[in-house]
Amino acid sequence: MDRDSRSLARPGPRTGYHAPIRALALGLTLLGACETAPRAPVEPSPPAPPTAPVPPAPPAAAPASAPPRAVVAPSIRATCAPSRSLPLDLHTRAYSTAGGAPLHLDVAAPARPGPHPWVAVFHGGGWSAGARGHVYEELRHLTSLGYAGVAVDYRLVAARGQNRHPTQVADARCAVRYLRRHADALGLDPDRGAALGYSAGGHLALMLALAPEAEGLDDCEDLTTSPAVQLAISFYGPTDLRPEAPLEPAAVRIVNRFLGADRDQAPARAAAASPITYVGAVDAPVMLAHGGLDGVVPLEQSRALRAALARGGVPVQLVEVPRSGHGFRLFGRQSPEATCTTLAFLEAALGDTTDDR
């Protein structure tokens, strides 16, 4: 959601190189002008200083590591290999104590030895409700497809206004940093990770992909690893919280509580919390799925982000589900197009998982 530059150093200064030539030219000019004048004795000139050696040009900067995988957004498809709901073998870890209490994530990996590509899954609930256990079904299916699934808890907005933005984004970033830092112990490939989220969780997934380098979004204890992911998957997540963006009245109240202020009175804060304002910062691919009957987050939110990403040249796909509202799931039966297109995007971004199943 990386561009290298090579700097070519210029040769160093050539000190003293032109001094003898200028002196000779001046002498010839004066001699021609004063040919008939009596010549005074000429004192011998001191020897010209030796020309300073030209320092060798430093070597060009070494090329950086190999560029990230080139990803082409898949076309919408309605058929794919079926997944299975496998029993879970969860490994629970505390990934942060930033809020004074431990925050946990659960890792479920395929049976075969890793390192495995992984998908961090963020539950919905308006940033103020929900728990990681709500996405265990996703982990069951993901492990059957060769991915490690990670269910992540994050701090919720409290009734008295505690934990407003950017708390939830900071927790999501901290969780990804933790997974990357402990990848060897968890059997994960640190360079092949995606984020999937529903509603508010979709917003968090998008922020991971589009704003990994943004400042002011961290309160993690350890910032030594990157919070970036190689793909974001958002199911009906809000993409634009700014005052002019379309949202249903109920959603506006939720957004205001999340921001800790009325969005009309705090446009800068609303912009900083909006994934769409970060488009162009990085080029992590994005997969969007949205219901045409969504009465909470309008379909136009995903359409606007798709258009902005496409203008920026970022691989993006949007699956619109005309007869669905707010709440359908990746492995549900409401939209085979959303399921199969998402799985195709995962394979395009993270690579083939046949050997991981």
Protein backbone atom coordinates (compact mmCIF):
# COMPACT_ATOMS: atom_id res chain seq x y z
CA MET A 1 0.00 0.00 0.00
CA ASP A 2 8.45 1.97 -2.59
CA ARG A 3 10.46 3.86 -5.02
CA ASP A 4 14.26 3.85 -5.09
CA SER A 5 16.46 6.64 -6.32
CA ARG A 6 20.09 6.45 -7.39
CA SER A 7 22.25 9.46 -6.70
CA LEU A 8 25.20 10.01 -9.04
CA ALA A 9 27.96 11.94 -7.25
CA ARG A 10 29.72 14.66 -9.19
CA PRO A 11 33.54 14.78 -9.37
CA GLY A 12 35.19 16.97 -6.78
CA PRO A 13 36.42 20.51 -7.49
CA ARG A 14 39.45 20.93 -9.79
CA THR A 15 41.39 23.54 -7.76
CA GLY A 16 44.16 25.47 -9.57
CA TYR A 17 43.35 24.00 -12.99
CA HIS A 18 42.71 27.33 -14.85
CA ALA A 19 45.16 29.64 -13.04
CA PRO A 20 48.26 29.21 -15.35
CA ILE A 21 46.17 29.68 -18.52
CA ARG A 22 44.59 32.88 -17.27
CA ALA A 23 48.01 34.26 -16.26
CA LEU A 24 49.47 33.53 -19.72
CA ALA A 25 46.54 35.19 -21.54
CA LEU A 26 46.83 38.28 -19.40
CA GLY A 27 50.58 38.48 -19.98
CA LEU A 28 50.20 38.32 -23.77
CA THR A 29 47.57 41.07 -23.72
CA LEU A 30 49.74 43.40 -21.69
CA LEU A 31 52.75 42.67 -23.91
CA GLY A 32 50.86 43.63 -27.07
CA ALA A 33 49.58 46.86 -25.53
CA CYS A 34 52.98 47.99 -24.33
CA GLU A 35 55.32 46.91 -27.20
CA THR A 36 56.92 50.36 -27.57
CA ALA A 37 57.22 51.13 -23.89
CA PRO A 38 60.57 50.69 -22.21
CA ARG A 39 60.77 47.42 -20.46
CA ALA A 40 61.52 47.33 -16.81
CA PRO A 41 63.45 44.47 -15.37
CA VAL A 42 61.16 41.61 -14.66
CA GLU A 43 61.46 39.77 -11.46
CA PRO A 44 61.16 36.04 -11.84
CA SER A 45 57.69 34.82 -11.02
CA PRO A 46 57.27 32.30 -8.27
CA PRO A 47 56.51 28.84 -9.51
CA ALA A 48 52.83 28.14 -10.04
CA PRO A 49 51.30 25.94 -7.39
CA PRO A 50 50.87 22.36 -8.48
CA THR A 51 47.44 21.43 -9.75
CA ALA A 52 45.48 19.75 -7.03
CA PRO A 53 44.63 16.15 -7.85
CA VAL A 54 41.04 15.53 -8.88
CA PRO A 55 39.41 13.22 -6.35
CA PRO A 56 37.87 10.12 -7.86
CA ALA A 57 34.08 10.08 -8.16
CA PRO A 58 32.48 8.00 -5.42
CA PRO A 59 30.73 4.84 -6.56
CA ALA A 60 27.05 5.08 -7.41
CA ALA A 61 24.63 4.09 -4.69
CA ALA A 62 24.07 0.38 -4.47
CA PRO A 63 20.69 -0.75 -5.76
CA ALA A 64 18.10 -1.45 -3.12
CA SER A 65 16.50 -4.82 -2.57
CA ALA A 66 14.26 -6.33 -5.21
CA PRO A 67 11.09 -4.31 -5.88
CA PRO A 68 7.80 -5.55 -4.44
CA ARG A 69 5.73 -8.05 -6.36
CA ALA A 70 4.03 -6.52 -9.38
CA VAL A 71 0.31 -7.02 -8.84
CA VAL A 72 -2.46 -6.78 -11.39
CA ALA A 73 -5.96 -6.47 -9.97
CA PRO A 74 -7.92 -9.59 -10.95
CA SER A 75 -11.14 -9.38 -12.87
CA ILE A 76 -14.34 -10.12 -10.99
CA ARG A 77 -14.98 -13.84 -10.89
CA ALA A 78 -17.74 -15.99 -9.44
CA THR A 79 -16.07 -19.42 -9.29
CA CYS A 80 -13.05 -20.61 -7.35
CA ALA A 81 -11.76 -23.61 -5.45
CA PRO A 82 -13.87 -24.14 -2.33
CA SER A 83 -12.41 -23.58 1.10
CA ARG A 84 -13.13 -25.62 4.21
CA SER A 85 -13.90 -24.64 7.78
CA LEU A 86 -11.09 -26.38 9.67
CA PRO A 87 -10.74 -26.80 13.43
CA LEU A 88 -8.65 -24.03 14.91
CA ASP A 89 -5.34 -24.42 16.72
CA LEU A 90 -4.95 -20.94 18.11
CA HIS A 91 -1.79 -19.41 19.49
CA THR A 92 -2.65 -16.34 21.57
CA ARG A 93 -0.12 -13.57 22.04
CA ALA A 94 -0.20 -10.23 23.83
CA TYR A 95 1.05 -7.78 21.21
CA SER A 96 0.82 -4.49 23.10
CA THR A 97 0.21 -2.89 26.48
CA ALA A 98 0.03 0.65 25.11
CA GLY A 99 -3.28 1.34 26.84
CA GLY A 100 -2.18 -0.04 30.20
CA ALA A 101 -3.70 -3.48 29.63
CA PRO A 102 -2.56 -6.25 27.28
CA LEU A 103 -4.06 -6.46 23.81
CA HIS A 104 -4.19 -9.90 22.22
CA LEU A 105 -4.15 -11.54 18.85
CA ASP A 106 -4.74 -15.17 17.86
CA VAL A 107 -2.68 -16.88 15.18
CA ALA A 108 -3.96 -19.96 13.34
CA ALA A 109 -1.49 -21.45 10.86
CA PRO A 110 -1.76 -24.27 8.30
CA ALA A 111 -0.56 -27.68 9.40
CA ARG A 112 2.47 -27.65 7.13
CA PRO A 113 5.65 -25.93 8.32
CA GLY A 114 6.01 -22.27 7.42
CA PRO A 115 6.84 -19.58 6.75
CA HIS A 116 3.29 -18.88 5.62
CA PRO A 117 1.68 -15.84 4.06
CA TRP A 118 -0.73 -14.32 6.54
CA VAL A 119 -3.93 -12.32 6.75
CA ALA A 120 -4.67 -10.12 9.77
CA VAL A 121 -8.44 -9.90 10.27
CA PHE A 122 -10.11 -6.94 12.03
CA HIS A 123 -13.67 -7.18 13.30
CA GLY A 124 -16.29 -4.48 12.80
CA GLY A 125 -18.49 -2.73 15.34
CA GLY A 126 -18.20 1.00 14.77
CA TRP A 127 -14.78 1.12 16.50
CA SER A 128 -16.69 0.73 19.79
CA ALA A 129 -17.86 -2.89 19.86
CA GLY A 130 -16.81 -6.38 18.77
CA ALA A 131 -14.02 -8.80 19.60
CA ARG A 132 -11.47 -10.91 17.77
CA GLY A 133 -13.51 -14.05 18.33
CA HIS A 134 -16.06 -12.71 15.82
CA VAL A 135 -13.70 -13.49 12.93
CA TYR A 136 -12.65 -17.03 13.86
CA GLU A 137 -14.67 -18.45 10.95
CA GLU A 138 -12.45 -16.48 8.57
CA LEU A 139 -9.38 -18.05 10.19
CA ARG A 140 -10.81 -21.56 9.71
CA HIS A 141 -11.22 -21.00 5.97
CA LEU A 142 -7.95 -19.13 5.50
CA THR A 143 -5.88 -21.94 7.01
CA SER A 144 -7.51 -24.43 4.64
CA LEU A 145 -6.27 -22.27 1.76
CA GLY A 146 -2.68 -22.13 2.98
CA TYR A 147 -2.74 -18.78 4.79
CA ALA A 148 -2.06 -18.13 8.44
CA GLY A 149 -5.03 -16.23 9.83
CA VAL A 150 -4.66 -13.68 12.62
CA ALA A 151 -7.60 -12.36 14.65
CA VAL A 152 -6.77 -9.02 16.24
CA ASP A 153 -8.31 -7.22 19.18
CA TYR A 154 -7.99 -3.44 19.39
CA ARG A 155 -9.04 -0.84 21.92
CA LEU A 156 -12.63 0.31 21.57
CA VAL A 157 -14.03 3.82 21.84
CA ALA A 158 -15.51 4.17 25.32
CA ALA A 159 -18.77 5.86 26.26
CA ARG A 160 -16.93 8.76 27.92
CA GLY A 161 -14.77 9.39 24.86
CA GLN A 162 -11.65 7.45 25.76
CA ASN A 163 -9.75 5.72 22.98
CA ARG A 164 -10.79 8.03 20.17
CA HIS A 165 -8.89 8.17 16.90
CA PRO A 166 -6.07 7.34 16.25
CA THR A 167 -6.10 4.69 19.00
CA GLN A 168 -7.58 1.91 16.86
CA VAL A 169 -5.29 2.67 13.91
CA ALA A 170 -2.31 2.68 16.27
CA ASP A 171 -3.31 -0.75 17.62
CA ALA A 172 -3.67 -2.19 14.12
CA ARG A 173 -0.23 -0.86 13.20
CA CYS A 174 1.24 -2.27 16.40
CA ALA A 175 -0.26 -5.71 15.69
CA VAL A 176 1.30 -5.84 12.22
CA ARG A 177 4.64 -4.68 13.59
CA TYR A 178 4.44 -7.48 16.17
CA LEU A 179 3.66 -10.13 13.54
CA ARG A 180 6.61 -9.01 11.46
CA ARG A 181 8.96 -8.83 14.45
CA HIS A 182 8.02 -12.34 15.64
CA ALA A 183 7.52 -13.89 12.21
CA ASP A 184 10.08 -16.66 12.71
CA ALA A 185 8.54 -17.85 15.98
CA LEU A 186 5.02 -17.71 14.53
CA GLY A 187 5.88 -19.41 11.24
CA LEU A 188 5.02 -16.34 9.15
CA ASP A 189 6.63 -14.81 6.09
CA PRO A 190 7.29 -11.18 7.13
CA ASP A 191 7.12 -9.99 3.51
CA ARG A 192 3.76 -11.56 2.60
CA GLY A 193 1.00 -10.10 4.73
CA ALA A 194 -2.50 -8.75 4.09
CA ALA A 195 -5.17 -7.04 6.18
CA LEU A 196 -8.88 -7.89 5.97
CA GLY A 197 -11.59 -6.02 7.79
CA TYR A 198 -15.34 -5.55 8.02
CA SER A 199 -16.88 -2.08 8.38
CA ALA A 200 -14.73 -0.28 10.98
CA GLY A 201 -12.22 -3.11 10.60
CA GLY A 202 -12.16 -2.44 6.86
CA HIS A 203 -11.25 1.16 7.65
CA LEU A 204 -8.29 -0.11 9.71
CA ALA A 205 -7.17 -2.44 6.92
CA LEU A 206 -7.21 0.46 4.45
CA MET A 207 -5.21 2.68 6.80
CA LEU A 208 -2.54 -0.02 7.04
CA ALA A 209 -2.21 -0.21 3.26
CA LEU A 210 -2.47 3.48 2.39
CA ALA A 211 -0.84 5.25 5.33
CA PRO A 212 2.04 3.11 6.60
CA GLU A 213 4.44 6.08 6.61
CA ALA A 214 2.02 8.61 8.10
CA GLU A 215 3.12 10.35 11.27
CA GLY A 216 1.13 10.66 14.47
CA LEU A 217 -0.55 7.25 14.19
CA ASP A 218 1.63 5.24 16.57
CA ASP A 219 1.80 4.64 20.29
CA CYS A 220 3.39 1.20 20.06
CA GLU A 221 6.25 0.29 22.37
CA ASP A 222 8.43 -1.04 19.54
CA LEU A 223 8.57 0.71 16.15
CA THR A 224 11.48 -1.23 14.67
CA THR A 225 9.38 -3.04 12.07
CA SER A 226 7.01 -1.79 9.39
CA PRO A 227 3.20 -1.62 9.77
CA ALA A 228 2.73 -1.92 5.99
CA VAL A 229 0.79 -4.75 4.36
CA GLN A 230 0.93 -6.03 0.79
CA LEU A 231 -2.86 -5.98 0.30
CA ALA A 232 -5.86 -4.43 2.01
CA ILE A 233 -9.30 -6.06 1.80
CA SER A 234 -12.17 -3.88 2.96
CA PHE A 235 -15.73 -5.13 3.16
CA TYR A 236 -17.97 -2.02 3.32
CA GLY A 237 -15.46 -0.02 5.33
CA PRO A 238 -15.79 3.78 5.49
CA THR A 239 -13.16 5.43 3.32
CA ASP A 240 -13.90 9.14 3.77
CA LEU A 241 -14.91 10.68 7.10
CA ARG A 242 -14.66 14.31 6.01
CA PRO A 243 -17.70 16.60 6.39
CA GLU A 244 -18.50 16.59 2.67
CA ALA A 245 -18.43 12.80 2.34
CA PRO A 246 -21.78 10.96 2.13
CA LEU A 247 -22.71 9.06 5.29
CA GLU A 248 -26.02 8.04 6.81
CA PRO A 249 -27.04 10.02 9.95
CA ALA A 250 -26.45 6.99 12.18
CA ALA A 251 -22.97 6.58 10.71
CA VAL A 252 -22.20 10.27 11.25
CA ARG A 253 -22.90 9.85 14.96
CA ILE A 254 -20.56 6.85 15.07
CA VAL A 255 -17.86 8.76 13.19
CA ASN A 256 -18.16 11.77 15.50
CA ARG A 257 -17.73 9.52 18.53
CA PHE A 258 -14.71 7.88 16.87
CA LEU A 259 -13.14 11.25 16.11
CA GLY A 260 -13.95 12.68 19.52
CA ALA A 261 -15.51 15.71 17.85
CA ASP A 262 -18.19 16.69 15.38
CA ARG A 263 -16.65 16.13 11.97
CA ASP A 264 -18.10 19.43 10.75
CA GLN A 265 -16.19 21.21 13.50
CA ALA A 266 -12.98 19.19 13.11
CA PRO A 267 -12.37 18.78 9.37
CA ALA A 268 -8.61 18.34 9.76
CA ARG A 269 -9.08 15.51 12.23
CA ALA A 270 -11.66 13.88 9.97
CA ALA A 271 -9.28 14.12 7.01
CA ALA A 272 -6.43 12.57 8.99
CA ALA A 273 -8.69 9.62 9.81
CA SER A 274 -9.81 9.10 6.17
CA PRO A 275 -8.01 6.47 4.08
CA ILE A 276 -8.88 8.30 0.86
CA THR A 277 -6.69 11.26 1.83
CA TYR A 278 -3.59 9.04 1.77
CA VAL A 279 -3.99 7.74 -1.77
CA GLY A 280 -0.72 8.01 -3.63
CA ALA A 281 1.50 7.70 -0.57
CA VAL A 282 2.14 4.02 -1.28
CA ASP A 283 0.92 1.63 -3.89
CA ALA A 284 -0.35 -1.34 -1.89
CA PRO A 285 -3.23 -2.98 -3.81
CA VAL A 286 -6.77 -2.70 -2.48
CA MET A 287 -9.76 -5.04 -2.73
CA LEU A 288 -13.20 -3.58 -1.95
CA ALA A 289 -16.56 -5.29 -1.51
CA HIS A 290 -19.75 -3.35 -0.81
CA GLY A 291 -23.46 -3.98 -0.77
CA GLY A 292 -25.79 -1.96 -2.94
CA LEU A 293 -28.37 -1.82 -0.13
CA ASP A 294 -25.95 -0.73 2.59
CA GLY A 295 -27.86 1.63 4.89
CA VAL A 296 -24.88 2.41 7.14
CA VAL A 297 -21.88 3.07 4.89
CA PRO A 298 -23.07 4.13 1.42
CA LEU A 299 -21.72 2.27 -1.59
CA GLU A 300 -20.44 5.62 -2.87
CA GLN A 301 -17.71 5.48 -0.22
CA SER A 302 -16.08 2.47 -1.88
CA ARG A 303 -16.73 3.82 -5.37
CA ALA A 304 -14.96 7.06 -4.52
CA LEU A 305 -11.91 5.24 -3.17
CA ARG A 306 -11.78 2.93 -6.19
CA ALA A 307 -11.78 5.98 -8.50
CA ALA A 308 -9.05 7.72 -6.51
CA LEU A 309 -6.83 4.62 -6.45
CA ALA A 310 -7.35 4.00 -10.16
CA ARG A 311 -6.32 7.59 -10.93
CA GLY A 312 -3.17 7.01 -8.90
CA GLY A 313 -2.32 3.80 -10.71
CA VAL A 314 -2.87 1.58 -7.67
CA PRO A 315 -4.22 -1.93 -8.40
CA VAL A 316 -7.81 -1.95 -7.14
CA GLN A 317 -10.99 -3.94 -7.60
CA LEU A 318 -14.50 -3.27 -6.30
CA VAL A 319 -17.14 -5.97 -6.15
CA GLU A 320 -20.61 -4.50 -5.78
CA VAL A 321 -23.21 -6.83 -4.32
CA PRO A 322 -26.52 -5.31 -5.44
CA ARG A 323 -28.89 -7.16 -3.09
CA SER A 324 -26.76 -7.07 0.05
CA GLY A 325 -26.73 -4.60 2.87
CA HIS A 326 -24.21 -4.06 5.62
CA GLY A 327 -22.77 -7.20 7.18
CA PHE A 328 -22.09 -9.94 4.60
CA ARG A 329 -18.89 -11.93 5.06
CA LEU A 330 -15.98 -13.10 2.94
CA PHE A 331 -16.86 -16.79 3.19
CA GLY A 332 -20.64 -16.38 3.30
CA ARG A 333 -23.06 -17.38 0.58
CA GLN A 334 -24.33 -13.94 -0.36
CA SER A 335 -21.64 -13.12 -2.89
CA PRO A 336 -19.46 -15.73 -4.60
CA GLU A 337 -18.04 -12.84 -6.63
CA ALA A 338 -16.74 -11.14 -3.47
CA THR A 339 -15.31 -14.42 -2.19
CA CYS A 340 -13.62 -15.58 -5.38
CA THR A 341 -12.30 -12.17 -6.42
CA THR A 342 -10.82 -11.63 -2.96
CA LEU A 343 -9.09 -15.03 -3.06
CA ALA A 344 -7.72 -14.25 -6.52
CA PHE A 345 -6.39 -10.93 -5.23
CA LEU A 346 -4.76 -12.65 -2.24
CA GLU A 347 -2.95 -15.04 -4.56
CA ALA A 348 -1.86 -12.20 -6.83
CA ALA A 349 -0.49 -10.15 -3.93
CA LEU A 350 0.94 -12.85 -1.65
CA GLY A 351 1.79 -15.62 -4.10
CA ASP A 352 0.63 -19.18 -4.63
CA THR A 353 -0.18 -21.12 -1.45
CA THR A 354 -0.46 -24.63 -2.89
CA ASP A 355 2.57 -25.81 -0.92
CA ASP A 356 1.20 -24.26 2.30
CA ARG A 357 -2.06 -26.23 2.35
